[in-house]
């Protein structure tokens, strides 16, 4: 894998992927950077993943809206625009967009999430999340539980 320079403006972003009720735009995959991955995640109220963990670090920077984050805790924390949330590899976490939805920039420490998101998008039919069994199988390929 050889990293390649990336310069993209908003008009050249790839089409967003449907992932657990969110729209995820892959700005930079691990295949193109040689290491980290970068995404824009946008969601409507109530969207977001179930509790999960994976073998990569993940950081989120809230651009617009409010989101409840739960990171290895029983009590979710409210994150507003301007908030940074860092989740170390192996840490159980989940989030839910609040009223009005919003957007955030996310970055992972290594390749994996972009391919997993592509597989989830491929299994999403008519906007409906894949079944639990399908999600477990897809996520398991990438070490996500």
C-alpha atoms as a PDB file:
ATOM      1  CA  UNK A   1       0.000   0.000   0.000  1.00  0.00           C
ATOM      2  CA  UNK A   2       1.454   3.313  -1.087  1.00  0.00           C
ATOM      3  CA  UNK A   3      -0.124   6.550   0.237  1.00  0.00           C
ATOM      4  CA  UNK A   4      -1.321   9.020  -2.384  1.00  0.00           C
ATOM      5  CA  UNK A   5      -1.780  12.777  -2.112  1.00  0.00           C
ATOM      6  CA  UNK A   6      -5.410  13.810  -1.651  1.00  0.00           C
ATOM      7  CA  UNK A   7      -6.917  17.182  -2.485  1.00  0.00           C
ATOM      8  CA  UNK A   8     -10.718  17.206  -2.606  1.00  0.00           C
ATOM      9  CA  UNK A   9     -13.249  19.960  -2.644  1.00  0.00           C
ATOM     10  CA  UNK A  10     -16.869  19.426  -1.648  1.00  0.00           C
ATOM     11  CA  UNK A  11     -17.878  18.846  -5.271  1.00  0.00           C
ATOM     12  CA  UNK A  12     -15.586  15.834  -5.617  1.00  0.00           C
ATOM     13  CA  UNK A  13     -16.530  13.882  -2.490  1.00  0.00           C
ATOM     14  CA  UNK A  14     -17.657  10.309  -3.099  1.00  0.00           C
ATOM     15  CA  UNK A  15     -21.341   9.496  -2.617  1.00  0.00           C
ATOM     16  CA  UNK A  16     -22.225   9.044   1.068  1.00  0.00           C
ATOM     17  CA  UNK A  17     -22.816   5.531   2.388  1.00  0.00           C
ATOM     18  CA  UNK A  18     -25.904   4.544   4.403  1.00  0.00           C
ATOM     19  CA  UNK A  19     -24.684   3.142   7.719  1.00  0.00           C
ATOM     20  CA  UNK A  20     -27.093   2.471  10.631  1.00  0.00           C
ATOM     21  CA  UNK A  21     -29.316   5.402   9.750  1.00  0.00           C
ATOM     22  CA  UNK A  22     -26.442   7.802   9.126  1.00  0.00           C
ATOM     23  CA  UNK A  23     -24.813   9.068   5.955  1.00  0.00           C
ATOM     24  CA  UNK A  24     -21.040   8.486   5.991  1.00  0.00           C
ATOM     25  CA  UNK A  25     -18.800  10.148   3.418  1.00  0.00           C
ATOM     26  CA  UNK A  26     -15.351   8.588   3.123  1.00  0.00           C
ATOM     27  CA  UNK A  27     -12.970  11.519   2.648  1.00  0.00           C
ATOM     28  CA  UNK A  28      -9.801   9.417   2.951  1.00  0.00           C
ATOM     29  CA  UNK A  29      -9.554   5.641   3.228  1.00  0.00           C
ATOM     30  CA  UNK A  30      -6.663   3.795   4.808  1.00  0.00           C
ATOM     31  CA  UNK A  31      -5.845   2.462   1.355  1.00  0.00           C
ATOM     32  CA  UNK A  32      -5.212   6.029   0.140  1.00  0.00           C
ATOM     33  CA  UNK A  33      -3.443   7.397   3.256  1.00  0.00           C
ATOM     34  CA  UNK A  34      -1.463   4.307   4.197  1.00  0.00           C
ATOM     35  CA  UNK A  35      -2.784   4.572   7.760  1.00  0.00           C
ATOM     36  CA  UNK A  36      -5.695   6.637   9.138  1.00  0.00           C
ATOM     37  CA  UNK A  37      -9.190   7.131   7.696  1.00  0.00           C
ATOM     38  CA  UNK A  38     -11.276  10.319   7.632  1.00  0.00           C
ATOM     39  CA  UNK A  39     -15.077  10.622   7.351  1.00  0.00           C
ATOM     40  CA  UNK A  40     -17.975  13.048   7.524  1.00  0.00           C
ATOM     41  CA  UNK A  41     -20.878  11.486   9.418  1.00  0.00           C
ATOM     42  CA  UNK A  42     -24.342  13.026   9.199  1.00  0.00           C
ATOM     43  CA  UNK A  43     -27.404  11.771  10.988  1.00  0.00           C
ATOM     44  CA  UNK A  44     -30.994  12.539  11.763  1.00  0.00           C
ATOM     45  CA  UNK A  45     -32.456  12.538  15.243  1.00  0.00           C
ATOM     46  CA  UNK A  46     -32.209   9.075  16.811  1.00  0.00           C
ATOM     47  CA  UNK A  47     -29.697   7.656  14.330  1.00  0.00           C
ATOM     48  CA  UNK A  48     -26.394   6.103  15.334  1.00  0.00           C
ATOM     49  CA  UNK A  49     -24.781   2.745  16.070  1.00  0.00           C
ATOM     50  CA  UNK A  50     -25.552   0.275  18.841  1.00  0.00           C
ATOM     51  CA  UNK A  51     -22.921  -0.282  21.547  1.00  0.00           C
ATOM     52  CA  UNK A  52     -19.809  -1.707  19.872  1.00  0.00           C
ATOM     53  CA  UNK A  53     -16.023  -1.791  19.963  1.00  0.00           C
ATOM     54  CA  UNK A  54     -13.311  -2.291  17.364  1.00  0.00           C
ATOM     55  CA  UNK A  55      -9.539  -2.577  17.031  1.00  0.00           C
ATOM     56  CA  UNK A  56      -8.945   1.023  15.897  1.00  0.00           C
ATOM     57  CA  UNK A  57      -8.927   4.316  17.784  1.00  0.00           C
ATOM     58  CA  UNK A  58     -11.680   6.680  16.698  1.00  0.00           C
ATOM     59  CA  UNK A  59     -12.104  10.412  17.250  1.00  0.00           C
ATOM     60  CA  UNK A  60     -15.150  12.551  16.510  1.00  0.00           C
ATOM     61  CA  UNK A  61     -15.387  16.336  16.163  1.00  0.00           C
ATOM     62  CA  UNK A  62     -18.974  17.611  16.263  1.00  0.00           C
ATOM     63  CA  UNK A  63     -19.496  20.182  13.503  1.00  0.00           C
ATOM     64  CA  UNK A  64     -23.240  20.790  13.784  1.00  0.00           C
ATOM     65  CA  UNK A  65     -25.992  19.687  16.153  1.00  0.00           C
ATOM     66  CA  UNK A  66     -26.005  17.758  19.409  1.00  0.00           C
ATOM     67  CA  UNK A  67     -25.279  14.126  20.029  1.00  0.00           C
ATOM     68  CA  UNK A  68     -25.364  11.836  23.053  1.00  0.00           C
ATOM     69  CA  UNK A  69     -22.116   9.858  23.353  1.00  0.00           C
ATOM     70  CA  UNK A  70     -21.630   6.909  25.631  1.00  0.00           C
ATOM     71  CA  UNK A  71     -18.009   5.860  25.979  1.00  0.00           C
ATOM     72  CA  UNK A  72     -17.401   2.898  28.303  1.00  0.00           C
ATOM     73  CA  UNK A  73     -19.925   4.276  30.804  1.00  0.00           C
ATOM     74  CA  UNK A  74     -23.492   3.936  32.021  1.00  0.00           C
ATOM     75  CA  UNK A  75     -24.172   7.641  31.532  1.00  0.00           C
ATOM     76  CA  UNK A  76     -24.146   9.271  28.070  1.00  0.00           C
ATOM     77  CA  UNK A  77     -22.597  12.729  27.707  1.00  0.00           C
ATOM     78  CA  UNK A  78     -23.978  15.497  25.547  1.00  0.00           C
ATOM     79  CA  UNK A  79     -21.605  16.681  22.811  1.00  0.00           C
ATOM     80  CA  UNK A  80     -22.388  19.969  21.076  1.00  0.00           C
ATOM     81  CA  UNK A  81     -20.744  21.600  18.067  1.00  0.00           C
ATOM     82  CA  UNK A  82     -17.059  22.101  18.835  1.00  0.00           C
ATOM     83  CA  UNK A  83     -16.776  19.016  21.065  1.00  0.00           C
ATOM     84  CA  UNK A  84     -14.038  16.421  20.493  1.00  0.00           C
ATOM     85  CA  UNK A  85     -14.633  12.816  21.583  1.00  0.00           C
ATOM     86  CA  UNK A  86     -11.761  10.297  21.493  1.00  0.00           C
ATOM     87  CA  UNK A  87     -12.465   6.556  21.788  1.00  0.00           C
ATOM     88  CA  UNK A  88      -9.417   4.286  22.272  1.00  0.00           C
ATOM     89  CA  UNK A  89      -9.353   0.947  20.426  1.00  0.00           C
ATOM     90  CA  UNK A  90     -11.325  -1.758  22.228  1.00  0.00           C
ATOM     91  CA  UNK A  91     -13.529   0.714  24.131  1.00  0.00           C
ATOM     92  CA  UNK A  92     -17.279   0.083  24.001  1.00  0.00           C
ATOM     93  CA  UNK A  93     -19.164   3.127  22.749  1.00  0.00           C
ATOM     94  CA  UNK A  94     -22.325   4.294  20.991  1.00  0.00           C
ATOM     95  CA  UNK A  95     -23.998   7.577  20.074  1.00  0.00           C
ATOM     96  CA  UNK A  96     -27.397   9.008  19.127  1.00  0.00           C
ATOM     97  CA  UNK A  97     -28.107  12.231  17.300  1.00  0.00           C
ATOM     98  CA  UNK A  98     -30.468  14.556  19.148  1.00  0.00           C
ATOM     99  CA  UNK A  99     -33.244  16.791  17.799  1.00  0.00           C
ATOM    100  CA  UNK A 100     -32.421  18.251  14.413  1.00  0.00           C
ATOM    101  CA  UNK A 101     -29.601  15.780  13.732  1.00  0.00           C
ATOM    102  CA  UNK A 102     -26.179  17.047  12.801  1.00  0.00           C
ATOM    103  CA  UNK A 103     -22.756  16.294  11.396  1.00  0.00           C
ATOM    104  CA  UNK A 104     -19.308  15.430  12.650  1.00  0.00           C
ATOM    105  CA  UNK A 105     -15.857  14.741  11.325  1.00  0.00           C
ATOM    106  CA  UNK A 106     -14.451  11.365  12.385  1.00  0.00           C
ATOM    107  CA  UNK A 107     -11.009   9.852  12.079  1.00  0.00           C
ATOM    108  CA  UNK A 108      -9.803   6.314  12.722  1.00  0.00           C
ATOM    109  CA  UNK A 109      -6.246   5.242  13.489  1.00  0.00           C
ATOM    110  CA  UNK A 110      -6.040   2.602  10.766  1.00  0.00           C
ATOM    111  CA  UNK A 111      -7.813   1.039   7.809  1.00  0.00           C
ATOM    112  CA  UNK A 112     -10.943  -1.028   8.421  1.00  0.00           C
ATOM    113  CA  UNK A 113     -13.906   1.251   9.018  1.00  0.00           C
ATOM    114  CA  UNK A 114     -14.185   2.440   5.402  1.00  0.00           C
ATOM    115  CA  UNK A 115     -14.446  -1.115   4.080  1.00  0.00           C
ATOM    116  CA  UNK A 116     -16.870  -2.079   6.852  1.00  0.00           C
ATOM    117  CA  UNK A 117     -19.048   0.969   6.050  1.00  0.00           C
ATOM    118  CA  UNK A 118     -19.041   0.024   2.355  1.00  0.00           C
ATOM    119  CA  UNK A 119     -20.164  -3.520   3.205  1.00  0.00           C
ATOM    120  CA  UNK A 120     -22.933  -2.250   5.514  1.00  0.00           C
ATOM    121  CA  UNK A 121     -24.089   0.176   2.816  1.00  0.00           C
ATOM    122  CA  UNK A 122     -24.228  -2.699   0.296  1.00  0.00           C
ATOM    123  CA  UNK A 123     -26.417  -4.694   2.713  1.00  0.00           C
ATOM    124  CA  UNK A 124     -28.781  -1.746   3.340  1.00  0.00           C
ATOM    125  CA  UNK A 125     -31.935  -2.156   1.247  1.00  0.00           C
ATOM    126  CA  UNK A 126     -34.497   0.634   0.816  1.00  0.00           C
ATOM    127  CA  UNK A 127     -32.928   2.520   3.735  1.00  0.00           C
ATOM    128  CA  UNK A 128     -33.505  -0.367   6.176  1.00  0.00           C
ATOM    129  CA  UNK A 129     -30.667  -1.475   8.393  1.00  0.00           C
ATOM    130  CA  UNK A 130     -29.344  -4.963   7.732  1.00  0.00           C
ATOM    131  CA  UNK A 131     -30.514  -7.699  10.122  1.00  0.00           C
ATOM    132  CA  UNK A 132     -28.657  -8.297  13.383  1.00  0.00           C
ATOM    133  CA  UNK A 133     -27.147 -11.480  11.903  1.00  0.00           C
ATOM    134  CA  UNK A 134     -25.924  -9.644   8.808  1.00  0.00           C
ATOM    135  CA  UNK A 135     -24.498  -6.787  10.896  1.00  0.00           C
ATOM    136  CA  UNK A 136     -22.723  -9.258  13.197  1.00  0.00           C
ATOM    137  CA  UNK A 137     -21.208 -11.053  10.189  1.00  0.00           C
ATOM    138  CA  UNK A 138     -20.085  -7.861   8.420  1.00  0.00           C
ATOM    139  CA  UNK A 139     -18.688  -6.228  11.547  1.00  0.00           C
ATOM    140  CA  UNK A 140     -16.958  -9.443  12.590  1.00  0.00           C
ATOM    141  CA  UNK A 141     -14.902  -9.379   9.368  1.00  0.00           C
ATOM    142  CA  UNK A 142     -13.224  -6.206  10.658  1.00  0.00           C
ATOM    143  CA  UNK A 143     -12.889  -7.118  14.335  1.00  0.00           C
ATOM    144  CA  UNK A 144     -15.879  -4.999  15.348  1.00  0.00           C
ATOM    145  CA  UNK A 145     -18.177  -6.474  17.989  1.00  0.00           C
END
